[in-house]
């Protein structure tokens, strides 16, 4: 014989196989009869109709796999209500934690790149990869010729050559883009 309680942690005995269809039918009937009242109770609790509906739906979805046990409770709606209220409480906890995190988080708004930076990025993209890498390492990463040579595994003279060629190609690319923009 099944124990008749509404605690979500209770374990219940299984129904006989002949009662399976009746259990499915009884869940649909139970859902139809109790969804609206439970949703209204949760609405009163949460003051948010969408959140109330979601919490009750979640509780019913958790009840479905356990229905063959819950059907024997004295008040299965109490189990659904308890689960729905727990779902609502958990949502509030997550929102409170998110708000606390947002309060301490500073979103720095960064302006987009200036037209000069966009032109420089486009010009750098036209350079051969080794020249581009050496220019970035020298001018942006502030590495010395010796440090770049060590990192690239090449002679300092080769780095100087790549840097010279890269600068010349970059200057040509930037002057071409500058004349195109003024001519347009």
N, C-alpha and C. Protein backbone atom coordinates (compact mmCIF):
# COMPACT_ATOMS: atom_id res chain seq x y z
N UNK A 1 0.84 -1.17 0.00
CA UNK A 1 0.00 0.00 0.00
C UNK A 1 0.89 1.24 0.00
N UNK A 2 0.50 2.25 -0.75
CA UNK A 2 1.29 3.47 -0.88
C UNK A 2 1.06 4.39 0.30
N UNK A 3 2.12 5.05 0.73
CA UNK A 3 2.02 6.05 1.78
C UNK A 3 1.43 7.31 1.16
N UNK A 4 0.57 8.01 1.85
CA UNK A 4 -0.11 9.18 1.29
C UNK A 4 0.44 10.45 1.94
N UNK A 5 1.51 10.96 1.33
CA UNK A 5 2.12 12.21 1.78
C UNK A 5 2.42 13.03 0.55
N UNK A 6 2.76 14.29 0.73
CA UNK A 6 3.04 15.13 -0.42
C UNK A 6 4.46 15.69 -0.42
N UNK A 7 5.35 15.07 0.30
CA UNK A 7 6.73 15.51 0.33
C UNK A 7 7.44 15.08 -0.95
N UNK A 8 8.10 16.02 -1.69
CA UNK A 8 8.76 15.67 -2.94
C UNK A 8 9.84 14.60 -2.81
N UNK A 9 10.39 14.43 -1.62
CA UNK A 9 11.44 13.44 -1.46
C UNK A 9 10.97 12.04 -1.16
N UNK A 10 9.67 11.87 -0.94
CA UNK A 10 9.14 10.54 -0.62
C UNK A 10 9.30 9.59 -1.79
N UNK A 11 9.54 8.34 -1.46
CA UNK A 11 9.55 7.31 -2.50
C UNK A 11 8.25 6.53 -2.40
N UNK A 12 7.70 6.18 -3.53
CA UNK A 12 6.41 5.49 -3.58
C UNK A 12 6.56 4.19 -4.35
N UNK A 13 5.65 3.29 -4.08
CA UNK A 13 5.68 2.03 -4.82
C UNK A 13 5.03 2.23 -6.19
N UNK A 14 5.42 1.38 -7.12
CA UNK A 14 4.94 1.46 -8.50
C UNK A 14 3.50 0.97 -8.61
N UNK A 15 2.80 1.51 -9.61
CA UNK A 15 1.44 1.05 -9.88
C UNK A 15 1.48 -0.25 -10.68
N UNK A 16 0.45 -1.07 -10.57
CA UNK A 16 0.38 -2.27 -11.41
C UNK A 16 0.25 -1.86 -12.88
N UNK A 17 0.77 -2.68 -13.82
CA UNK A 17 0.74 -2.34 -15.24
C UNK A 17 -0.65 -2.05 -15.78
N UNK A 18 -1.67 -2.67 -15.24
CA UNK A 18 -3.04 -2.46 -15.74
C UNK A 18 -3.53 -1.05 -15.45
N UNK A 19 -2.94 -0.38 -14.47
CA UNK A 19 -3.40 0.95 -14.10
C UNK A 19 -2.64 2.05 -14.85
N UNK A 20 -1.69 1.70 -15.72
CA UNK A 20 -0.86 2.69 -16.39
C UNK A 20 -1.67 3.66 -17.23
N UNK A 21 -2.63 3.17 -18.01
CA UNK A 21 -3.43 4.07 -18.84
C UNK A 21 -4.26 5.00 -17.98
N UNK A 22 -4.82 4.47 -16.89
CA UNK A 22 -5.59 5.32 -15.98
C UNK A 22 -4.72 6.41 -15.37
N UNK A 23 -3.46 6.09 -15.08
CA UNK A 23 -2.54 7.07 -14.52
C UNK A 23 -2.30 8.19 -15.53
N UNK A 24 -2.06 7.84 -16.81
CA UNK A 24 -1.86 8.85 -17.84
C UNK A 24 -3.09 9.74 -17.97
N UNK A 25 -4.25 9.12 -18.00
CA UNK A 25 -5.49 9.88 -18.10
C UNK A 25 -5.68 10.76 -16.86
N UNK A 26 -5.34 10.22 -15.70
CA UNK A 26 -5.55 10.99 -14.48
C UNK A 26 -4.61 12.19 -14.44
N UNK A 27 -3.40 12.07 -15.01
CA UNK A 27 -2.49 13.21 -15.04
C UNK A 27 -3.07 14.33 -15.89
N UNK A 28 -3.58 13.97 -17.06
CA UNK A 28 -4.18 14.99 -17.93
C UNK A 28 -5.35 15.66 -17.24
N UNK A 29 -6.18 14.89 -16.58
CA UNK A 29 -7.32 15.46 -15.86
C UNK A 29 -6.84 16.34 -14.70
N UNK A 30 -5.86 15.85 -13.96
CA UNK A 30 -5.30 16.59 -12.84
C UNK A 30 -4.71 17.92 -13.33
N UNK A 31 -3.96 17.85 -14.41
CA UNK A 31 -3.34 19.05 -14.98
C UNK A 31 -4.42 20.06 -15.36
N UNK A 32 -5.43 19.59 -16.08
CA UNK A 32 -6.51 20.48 -16.53
C UNK A 32 -7.23 21.11 -15.34
N UNK A 33 -7.39 20.36 -14.28
CA UNK A 33 -8.14 20.86 -13.13
C UNK A 33 -7.32 21.76 -12.22
N UNK A 34 -6.01 21.57 -12.17
CA UNK A 34 -5.22 22.28 -11.16
C UNK A 34 -4.26 23.32 -11.71
N UNK A 35 -4.01 23.32 -13.01
CA UNK A 35 -3.02 24.26 -13.53
C UNK A 35 -3.40 25.71 -13.24
N UNK A 36 -4.59 26.10 -13.60
CA UNK A 36 -5.02 27.49 -13.42
C UNK A 36 -4.99 27.93 -11.95
N UNK A 37 -5.58 27.16 -11.03
CA UNK A 37 -5.51 27.60 -9.63
C UNK A 37 -4.07 27.70 -9.11
N UNK A 38 -3.23 26.73 -9.49
CA UNK A 38 -1.83 26.79 -9.04
C UNK A 38 -1.11 27.98 -9.65
N UNK A 39 -1.39 28.25 -10.92
CA UNK A 39 -0.75 29.39 -11.57
C UNK A 39 -1.18 30.69 -10.89
N UNK A 40 -2.43 30.81 -10.52
CA UNK A 40 -2.91 32.01 -9.83
C UNK A 40 -2.26 32.14 -8.44
N UNK A 41 -2.08 31.01 -7.76
CA UNK A 41 -1.40 31.05 -6.46
C UNK A 41 0.05 31.52 -6.63
N UNK A 42 0.72 31.00 -7.64
CA UNK A 42 2.10 31.41 -7.88
C UNK A 42 2.18 32.85 -8.37
N UNK A 43 1.17 33.28 -9.09
CA UNK A 43 1.14 34.69 -9.51
C UNK A 43 1.04 35.59 -8.28
N UNK A 44 0.21 35.21 -7.34
CA UNK A 44 0.10 35.99 -6.10
C UNK A 44 1.43 35.98 -5.35
N UNK A 45 2.15 34.88 -5.43
CA UNK A 45 3.44 34.74 -4.74
C UNK A 45 4.54 35.53 -5.44
N UNK A 46 4.57 35.49 -6.80
CA UNK A 46 5.67 36.09 -7.55
C UNK A 46 5.36 37.49 -8.06
N UNK A 47 4.09 37.82 -8.22
CA UNK A 47 3.66 39.09 -8.82
C UNK A 47 4.13 39.22 -10.27
N UNK A 48 4.36 38.09 -10.92
CA UNK A 48 4.80 38.08 -12.31
C UNK A 48 4.11 36.90 -12.99
N UNK A 49 3.15 37.20 -13.87
CA UNK A 49 2.34 36.14 -14.47
C UNK A 49 3.18 35.18 -15.30
N UNK A 50 4.14 35.70 -16.04
CA UNK A 50 4.98 34.83 -16.86
C UNK A 50 5.85 33.93 -16.00
N UNK A 51 6.42 34.50 -14.95
CA UNK A 51 7.25 33.69 -14.05
C UNK A 51 6.40 32.65 -13.33
N UNK A 52 5.19 33.02 -12.94
CA UNK A 52 4.29 32.07 -12.28
C UNK A 52 3.96 30.92 -13.22
N UNK A 53 3.63 31.23 -14.47
CA UNK A 53 3.30 30.20 -15.45
C UNK A 53 4.50 29.27 -15.67
N UNK A 54 5.69 29.87 -15.81
CA UNK A 54 6.89 29.06 -16.01
C UNK A 54 7.17 28.14 -14.82
N UNK A 55 7.00 28.66 -13.62
CA UNK A 55 7.28 27.86 -12.42
C UNK A 55 6.30 26.69 -12.30
N UNK A 56 5.03 26.95 -12.59
CA UNK A 56 4.04 25.87 -12.50
C UNK A 56 4.29 24.85 -13.61
N UNK A 57 4.60 25.31 -14.80
CA UNK A 57 4.92 24.38 -15.90
C UNK A 57 6.11 23.51 -15.53
N UNK A 58 7.13 24.13 -14.95
CA UNK A 58 8.31 23.37 -14.54
C UNK A 58 7.93 22.33 -13.48
N UNK A 59 7.10 22.71 -12.54
CA UNK A 59 6.67 21.76 -11.50
C UNK A 59 5.89 20.60 -12.11
N UNK A 60 5.00 20.87 -13.06
CA UNK A 60 4.26 19.80 -13.71
C UNK A 60 5.21 18.91 -14.53
N UNK A 61 6.19 19.51 -15.16
CA UNK A 61 7.13 18.69 -15.93
C UNK A 61 7.96 17.79 -15.02
N UNK A 62 8.22 18.24 -13.81
CA UNK A 62 8.92 17.39 -12.84
C UNK A 62 7.99 16.33 -12.26
N UNK A 63 6.70 16.63 -12.21
CA UNK A 63 5.73 15.68 -11.66
C UNK A 63 5.44 14.54 -12.63
N UNK A 64 5.46 14.81 -13.92
CA UNK A 64 5.07 13.80 -14.91
C UNK A 64 5.81 12.48 -14.75
N UNK A 65 7.15 12.47 -14.67
CA UNK A 65 7.84 11.17 -14.51
C UNK A 65 7.54 10.48 -13.18
N UNK A 66 7.05 11.23 -12.19
CA UNK A 66 6.75 10.68 -10.87
C UNK A 66 5.26 10.46 -10.66
N UNK A 67 4.47 10.71 -11.70
CA UNK A 67 3.03 10.74 -11.51
C UNK A 67 2.47 9.44 -10.96
N UNK A 68 3.03 8.32 -11.38
CA UNK A 68 2.51 7.04 -10.87
C UNK A 68 2.68 6.93 -9.35
N UNK A 69 3.55 7.73 -8.77
CA UNK A 69 3.70 7.77 -7.32
C UNK A 69 2.87 8.91 -6.73
N UNK A 70 2.92 10.06 -7.38
CA UNK A 70 2.23 11.25 -6.86
C UNK A 70 0.71 11.08 -6.85
N UNK A 71 0.19 10.28 -7.77
CA UNK A 71 -1.25 10.09 -7.85
C UNK A 71 -1.82 9.52 -6.56
N UNK A 72 -0.99 8.87 -5.77
CA UNK A 72 -1.46 8.26 -4.52
C UNK A 72 -1.32 9.20 -3.32
N UNK A 73 -0.78 10.38 -3.52
CA UNK A 73 -0.69 11.33 -2.41
C UNK A 73 -2.08 11.84 -2.07
N UNK A 74 -2.26 12.23 -0.83
CA UNK A 74 -3.53 12.83 -0.43
C UNK A 74 -3.77 14.13 -1.20
N UNK A 75 -2.70 14.91 -1.40
CA UNK A 75 -2.81 16.19 -2.10
C UNK A 75 -1.65 16.35 -3.07
N UNK A 76 -1.75 15.77 -4.26
CA UNK A 76 -0.65 15.92 -5.22
C UNK A 76 -0.46 17.37 -5.65
N UNK A 77 -1.50 18.17 -5.58
CA UNK A 77 -1.36 19.59 -5.93
C UNK A 77 -0.42 20.30 -4.95
N UNK A 78 -0.37 19.84 -3.72
CA UNK A 78 0.54 20.43 -2.74
C UNK A 78 1.99 20.16 -3.14
N UNK A 79 2.25 18.98 -3.68
CA UNK A 79 3.59 18.66 -4.17
C UNK A 79 3.96 19.59 -5.32
N UNK A 80 3.03 19.76 -6.26
CA UNK A 80 3.26 20.64 -7.42
C UNK A 80 3.49 22.07 -6.92
N UNK A 81 2.67 22.54 -6.00
CA UNK A 81 2.80 23.90 -5.48
C UNK A 81 4.16 24.09 -4.80
N UNK A 82 4.57 23.11 -4.01
CA UNK A 82 5.86 23.20 -3.32
C UNK A 82 7.01 23.29 -4.32
N UNK A 83 6.96 22.44 -5.33
CA UNK A 83 8.02 22.46 -6.35
C UNK A 83 7.99 23.79 -7.09
N UNK A 84 6.81 24.29 -7.46
CA UNK A 84 6.69 25.55 -8.18
C UNK A 84 7.23 26.71 -7.35
N UNK A 85 6.93 26.71 -6.06
CA UNK A 85 7.45 27.78 -5.20
C UNK A 85 8.96 27.69 -5.06
N UNK A 86 9.49 26.48 -5.01
CA UNK A 86 10.94 26.31 -4.97
C UNK A 86 11.58 26.81 -6.27
N UNK A 87 10.95 26.53 -7.39
CA UNK A 87 11.46 27.02 -8.68
C UNK A 87 11.47 28.55 -8.66
N UNK A 88 10.40 29.16 -8.17
CA UNK A 88 10.32 30.62 -8.10
C UNK A 88 11.40 31.18 -7.17
N UNK A 89 11.58 30.55 -6.02
CA UNK A 89 12.61 31.00 -5.07
C UNK A 89 14.00 30.90 -5.68
N UNK A 90 14.27 29.79 -6.37
CA UNK A 90 15.58 29.63 -7.00
C UNK A 90 15.83 30.71 -8.05
N UNK A 91 14.78 31.06 -8.78
CA UNK A 91 14.93 32.13 -9.78
C UNK A 91 15.28 33.44 -9.09
N UNK A 92 14.61 33.74 -7.98
CA UNK A 92 14.91 34.97 -7.24
C UNK A 92 16.35 34.97 -6.75
N UNK A 93 16.80 33.82 -6.28
CA UNK A 93 18.20 33.73 -5.80
C UNK A 93 19.17 34.01 -6.94
N UNK A 94 18.91 33.41 -8.11
CA UNK A 94 19.79 33.64 -9.25
C UNK A 94 19.76 35.11 -9.68
N UNK A 95 18.57 35.72 -9.68
CA UNK A 95 18.46 37.13 -10.05
C UNK A 95 19.19 38.01 -9.03
N UNK A 96 19.04 37.70 -7.76
CA UNK A 96 19.72 38.49 -6.73
C UNK A 96 21.23 38.37 -6.87
N UNK A 97 21.72 37.17 -7.14
CA UNK A 97 23.16 36.99 -7.34
C UNK A 97 23.63 37.72 -8.58
N UNK A 98 22.84 37.68 -9.64
CA UNK A 98 23.21 38.38 -10.88
C UNK A 98 23.24 39.88 -10.66
N UNK A 99 22.27 40.40 -9.91
CA UNK A 99 22.25 41.84 -9.62
C UNK A 99 23.45 42.24 -8.78
N UNK A 100 23.79 41.42 -7.79
CA UNK A 100 24.95 41.72 -6.95
C UNK A 100 26.22 41.71 -7.80
N UNK A 101 26.32 40.77 -8.69
CA UNK A 101 27.48 40.71 -9.57
C UNK A 101 27.52 41.93 -10.48
N UNK A 102 26.37 42.30 -11.02
CA UNK A 102 26.30 43.45 -11.94
C UNK A 102 26.64 44.75 -11.22
N UNK A 103 26.33 44.83 -9.95
CA UNK A 103 26.62 46.05 -9.20
C UNK A 103 28.13 46.28 -9.09
N UNK A 104 28.90 45.21 -8.98
CA UNK A 104 30.34 45.34 -8.82
C UNK A 104 31.09 45.28 -10.14
N UNK A 105 30.38 44.95 -11.18
CA UNK A 105 31.00 44.85 -12.49
C UNK A 105 30.91 46.20 -13.17
N UNK A 106 32.00 46.63 -13.73
CA UNK A 106 32.02 47.91 -14.43
C UNK A 106 32.17 47.65 -15.91
N UNK A 107 31.15 48.01 -16.64
CA UNK A 107 31.21 47.86 -18.08
C UNK A 107 31.82 49.12 -18.67
N UNK A 108 33.06 49.00 -19.09
CA UNK A 108 33.71 50.12 -19.72
C UNK A 108 33.28 50.18 -21.17
N UNK A 109 32.78 51.31 -21.55
CA UNK A 109 32.36 51.50 -22.94
C UNK A 109 33.56 52.02 -23.70
N UNK A 110 33.92 51.28 -24.71
CA UNK A 110 35.05 51.66 -25.53
C UNK A 110 34.55 52.13 -26.88
N UNK A 111 35.04 53.27 -27.27
CA UNK A 111 34.65 53.78 -28.57
C UNK A 111 35.27 52.92 -29.66
N UNK A 112 34.67 52.94 -30.81
CA UNK A 112 35.20 52.19 -31.94
C UNK A 112 36.52 52.78 -32.41
N UNK A 113 37.21 52.07 -33.26
CA UNK A 113 38.50 52.56 -33.73
C UNK A 113 38.33 53.81 -34.59
N UNK A 114 39.32 54.66 -34.50
CA UNK A 114 39.30 55.88 -35.31
C UNK A 114 39.55 55.52 -36.77
N UNK A 115 39.24 56.42 -37.68
CA UNK A 115 39.51 56.15 -39.10
C UNK A 115 40.99 55.87 -39.38
N UNK A 116 41.88 56.53 -38.61
CA UNK A 116 43.32 56.29 -38.79
C UNK A 116 43.68 54.86 -38.41
N UNK A 117 43.11 54.37 -37.33
CA UNK A 117 43.39 52.98 -36.91
C UNK A 117 42.84 51.97 -37.91
N UNK A 118 41.67 52.26 -38.44
CA UNK A 118 41.09 51.37 -39.44
C UNK A 118 41.98 51.33 -40.68
N UNK A 119 42.45 52.51 -41.10
CA UNK A 119 43.34 52.58 -42.27
C UNK A 119 44.64 51.84 -41.99
N UNK A 120 45.18 52.00 -40.78
CA UNK A 120 46.42 51.30 -40.42
C UNK A 120 46.21 49.79 -40.42
N UNK A 121 45.11 49.31 -39.85
CA UNK A 121 44.84 47.88 -39.82
C UNK A 121 44.71 47.32 -41.23
N UNK A 122 44.02 48.05 -42.10
CA UNK A 122 43.89 47.60 -43.49
C UNK A 122 45.24 47.58 -44.19
N UNK A 123 46.06 48.60 -43.95
CA UNK A 123 47.38 48.65 -44.58
C UNK A 123 48.27 47.53 -44.06
N UNK A 124 48.22 47.27 -42.76
CA UNK A 124 49.00 46.16 -42.19
C UNK A 124 48.58 44.83 -42.79
N UNK A 125 47.31 44.67 -43.07
CA UNK A 125 46.81 43.41 -43.62
C UNK A 125 47.35 43.15 -45.02
N UNK A 126 47.80 44.19 -45.71
CA UNK A 126 48.33 44.01 -47.08
C UNK A 126 49.80 43.58 -47.07
N UNK A 127 50.48 43.70 -45.94
CA UNK A 127 51.90 43.37 -45.86
C UNK A 127 52.11 41.86 -45.80
N UNK A 128 53.27 41.41 -46.28
CA UNK A 128 53.62 40.00 -46.09
C UNK A 128 53.68 39.69 -44.59
N UNK A 129 53.39 38.47 -44.25
CA UNK A 129 53.22 38.08 -42.85
C UNK A 129 54.45 38.37 -42.00
N UNK A 130 55.64 38.11 -42.45
CA UNK A 130 56.85 38.34 -41.65
C UNK A 130 57.06 39.84 -41.41
N UNK A 131 56.85 40.65 -42.44
CA UNK A 131 56.99 42.10 -42.27
C UNK A 131 55.94 42.63 -41.29
N UNK A 132 54.72 42.16 -41.43
CA UNK A 132 53.64 42.59 -40.54
C UNK A 132 53.97 42.21 -39.09
N UNK A 133 54.44 40.98 -38.88
CA UNK A 133 54.74 40.52 -37.53
C UNK A 133 55.88 41.35 -36.92
N UNK A 134 56.93 41.65 -37.69
CA UNK A 134 58.05 42.43 -37.17
C UNK A 134 57.62 43.86 -36.84
N UNK A 135 56.79 44.46 -37.67
CA UNK A 135 56.29 45.81 -37.37
C UNK A 135 55.46 45.81 -36.10
N UNK A 136 54.60 44.83 -35.95
CA UNK A 136 53.77 44.75 -34.74
C UNK A 136 54.66 44.53 -33.51
N UNK A 137 55.62 43.62 -33.58
CA UNK A 137 56.48 43.35 -32.44
C UNK A 137 57.34 44.56 -32.08
N UNK A 138 57.83 45.29 -33.08
CA UNK A 138 58.70 46.44 -32.82
C UNK A 138 57.90 47.65 -32.34
N UNK A 139 56.85 48.01 -33.06
CA UNK A 139 56.15 49.26 -32.76
C UNK A 139 55.02 49.12 -31.74
N UNK A 140 54.39 47.98 -31.66
CA UNK A 140 53.26 47.82 -30.74
C UNK A 140 53.68 47.07 -29.48
N UNK A 141 54.44 45.99 -29.63
CA UNK A 141 54.87 45.22 -28.46
C UNK A 141 56.14 45.80 -27.83
N UNK A 142 56.76 46.79 -28.47
CA UNK A 142 57.96 47.46 -27.97
C UNK A 142 59.12 46.50 -27.72
N UNK A 143 59.29 45.53 -28.60
CA UNK A 143 60.44 44.64 -28.50
C UNK A 143 61.59 45.25 -29.27
N UNK A 144 62.80 44.96 -28.81
CA UNK A 144 63.99 45.45 -29.52
C UNK A 144 64.28 44.55 -30.71
N UNK A 145 65.18 45.01 -31.59
CA UNK A 145 65.57 44.21 -32.76
C UNK A 145 66.14 42.88 -32.30
N UNK A 146 66.96 42.90 -31.25
CA UNK A 146 67.57 41.68 -30.73
C UNK A 146 66.50 40.71 -30.18
N UNK A 147 65.54 41.24 -29.45
CA UNK A 147 64.47 40.39 -28.90
C UNK A 147 63.63 39.78 -30.02
N UNK A 148 63.36 40.56 -31.05
CA UNK A 148 62.58 40.05 -32.18
C UNK A 148 63.38 38.97 -32.90
N UNK A 149 64.66 39.20 -33.09
CA UNK A 149 65.51 38.22 -33.76
C UNK A 149 65.55 36.92 -32.97
N UNK A 150 65.65 37.02 -31.65
CA UNK A 150 65.64 35.81 -30.81
C UNK A 150 64.30 35.09 -30.93
N UNK A 151 63.22 35.84 -30.88
CA UNK A 151 61.90 35.24 -30.95
C UNK A 151 61.64 34.59 -32.30
N UNK A 152 62.10 35.24 -33.36
CA UNK A 152 61.86 34.73 -34.72
C UNK A 152 62.90 33.69 -35.14
N UNK A 153 63.96 33.58 -34.37
CA UNK A 153 65.00 32.61 -34.70
C UNK A 153 65.77 33.00 -35.97
N UNK A 154 66.05 34.28 -36.10
CA UNK A 154 66.75 34.78 -37.28
C UNK A 154 67.77 35.83 -36.85
N UNK A 155 68.58 36.29 -37.79
CA UNK A 155 69.62 37.28 -37.50
C UNK A 155 68.99 38.67 -37.33
N UNK A 156 69.66 39.51 -36.56
CA UNK A 156 69.19 40.87 -36.34
C UNK A 156 69.14 41.64 -37.65
N UNK A 157 70.07 41.39 -38.56
CA UNK A 157 70.08 42.07 -39.86
C UNK A 157 68.84 41.72 -40.67
N UNK A 158 68.39 40.48 -40.58
CA UNK A 158 67.18 40.06 -41.30
C UNK A 158 65.97 40.78 -40.73
N UNK A 159 65.90 40.92 -39.41
CA UNK A 159 64.79 41.63 -38.77
C UNK A 159 64.80 43.08 -39.23
N UNK A 160 65.97 43.70 -39.27
CA UNK A 160 66.07 45.09 -39.73
C UNK A 160 65.59 45.21 -41.18
N UNK A 161 65.94 44.24 -42.00
CA UNK A 161 65.52 44.26 -43.40
C UNK A 161 64.00 44.14 -43.51
N UNK A 162 63.42 43.20 -42.77
CA UNK A 162 61.96 43.03 -42.79
C UNK A 162 61.26 44.30 -42.29
N UNK A 163 61.83 44.88 -41.24
CA UNK A 163 61.25 46.09 -40.66
C UNK A 163 61.32 47.24 -41.67
N UNK A 164 62.46 47.40 -42.36
CA UNK A 164 62.62 48.47 -43.35
C UNK A 164 61.63 48.27 -44.51
N UNK A 165 61.56 47.06 -45.04
CA UNK A 165 60.64 46.78 -46.15
C UNK A 165 59.18 46.95 -45.73
N UNK A 166 58.89 46.49 -44.54
CA UNK A 166 57.52 46.61 -44.04
C UNK A 166 57.11 48.06 -43.86
N UNK A 167 58.01 48.88 -43.31
CA UNK A 167 57.70 50.30 -43.14
C UNK A 167 57.48 50.99 -44.49
N UNK A 168 58.32 50.65 -45.45
CA UNK A 168 58.19 51.28 -46.77
C UNK A 168 56.87 50.88 -47.42
N UNK A 169 56.52 49.59 -47.34
CA UNK A 169 55.26 49.12 -47.92
C UNK A 169 54.06 49.72 -47.17
N UNK A 170 54.20 49.84 -45.85
CA UNK A 170 53.13 50.42 -45.05
C UNK A 170 52.93 51.90 -45.40
N UNK A 171 54.03 52.63 -45.54
CA UNK A 171 53.94 54.05 -45.91
C UNK A 171 53.27 54.20 -47.27
N UNK A 172 53.64 53.33 -48.22
CA UNK A 172 53.02 53.40 -49.55
C UNK A 172 51.53 53.07 -49.47
N UNK A 173 51.18 52.07 -48.70
CA UNK A 173 49.77 51.69 -48.58
C UNK A 173 48.96 52.78 -47.90
N UNK A 174 49.53 53.41 -46.89
CA UNK A 174 48.82 54.47 -46.19
C UNK A 174 48.70 55.73 -47.04
N UNK A 175 49.72 56.04 -47.82
CA UNK A 175 49.62 57.24 -48.67
C UNK A 175 48.64 56.99 -49.80
N UNK A 176 48.56 55.75 -50.32
CA UNK A 176 47.58 55.42 -51.35
C UNK A 176 46.17 55.54 -50.80
N UNK A 177 45.93 55.02 -49.60
CA UNK A 177 44.58 55.08 -49.03
C UNK A 177 44.23 56.51 -48.66
N UNK A 178 45.21 57.31 -48.27
CA UNK A 178 44.94 58.71 -47.94
C UNK A 178 44.55 59.52 -49.17
N UNK A 179 45.20 59.25 -50.32
CA UNK A 179 44.85 59.96 -51.54
C UNK A 179 43.53 59.50 -52.08
N UNK A 180 43.20 58.22 -51.89
CA UNK A 180 41.89 57.72 -52.36
C UNK A 180 40.76 58.39 -51.61
N UNK A 181 40.95 58.57 -50.27
CA UNK A 181 39.90 59.15 -49.46
C UNK A 181 39.72 60.63 -49.77
N UNK A 182 40.82 61.35 -50.04
CA UNK A 182 40.69 62.78 -50.35
C UNK A 182 40.19 63.00 -51.74
N UNK A 183 40.48 62.07 -52.67
CA UNK A 183 40.00 62.21 -54.04
C UNK A 183 38.51 61.91 -54.13
N UNK A 184 38.01 61.07 -53.25
CA UNK A 184 36.62 60.61 -53.34
C UNK A 184 35.64 61.66 -52.94
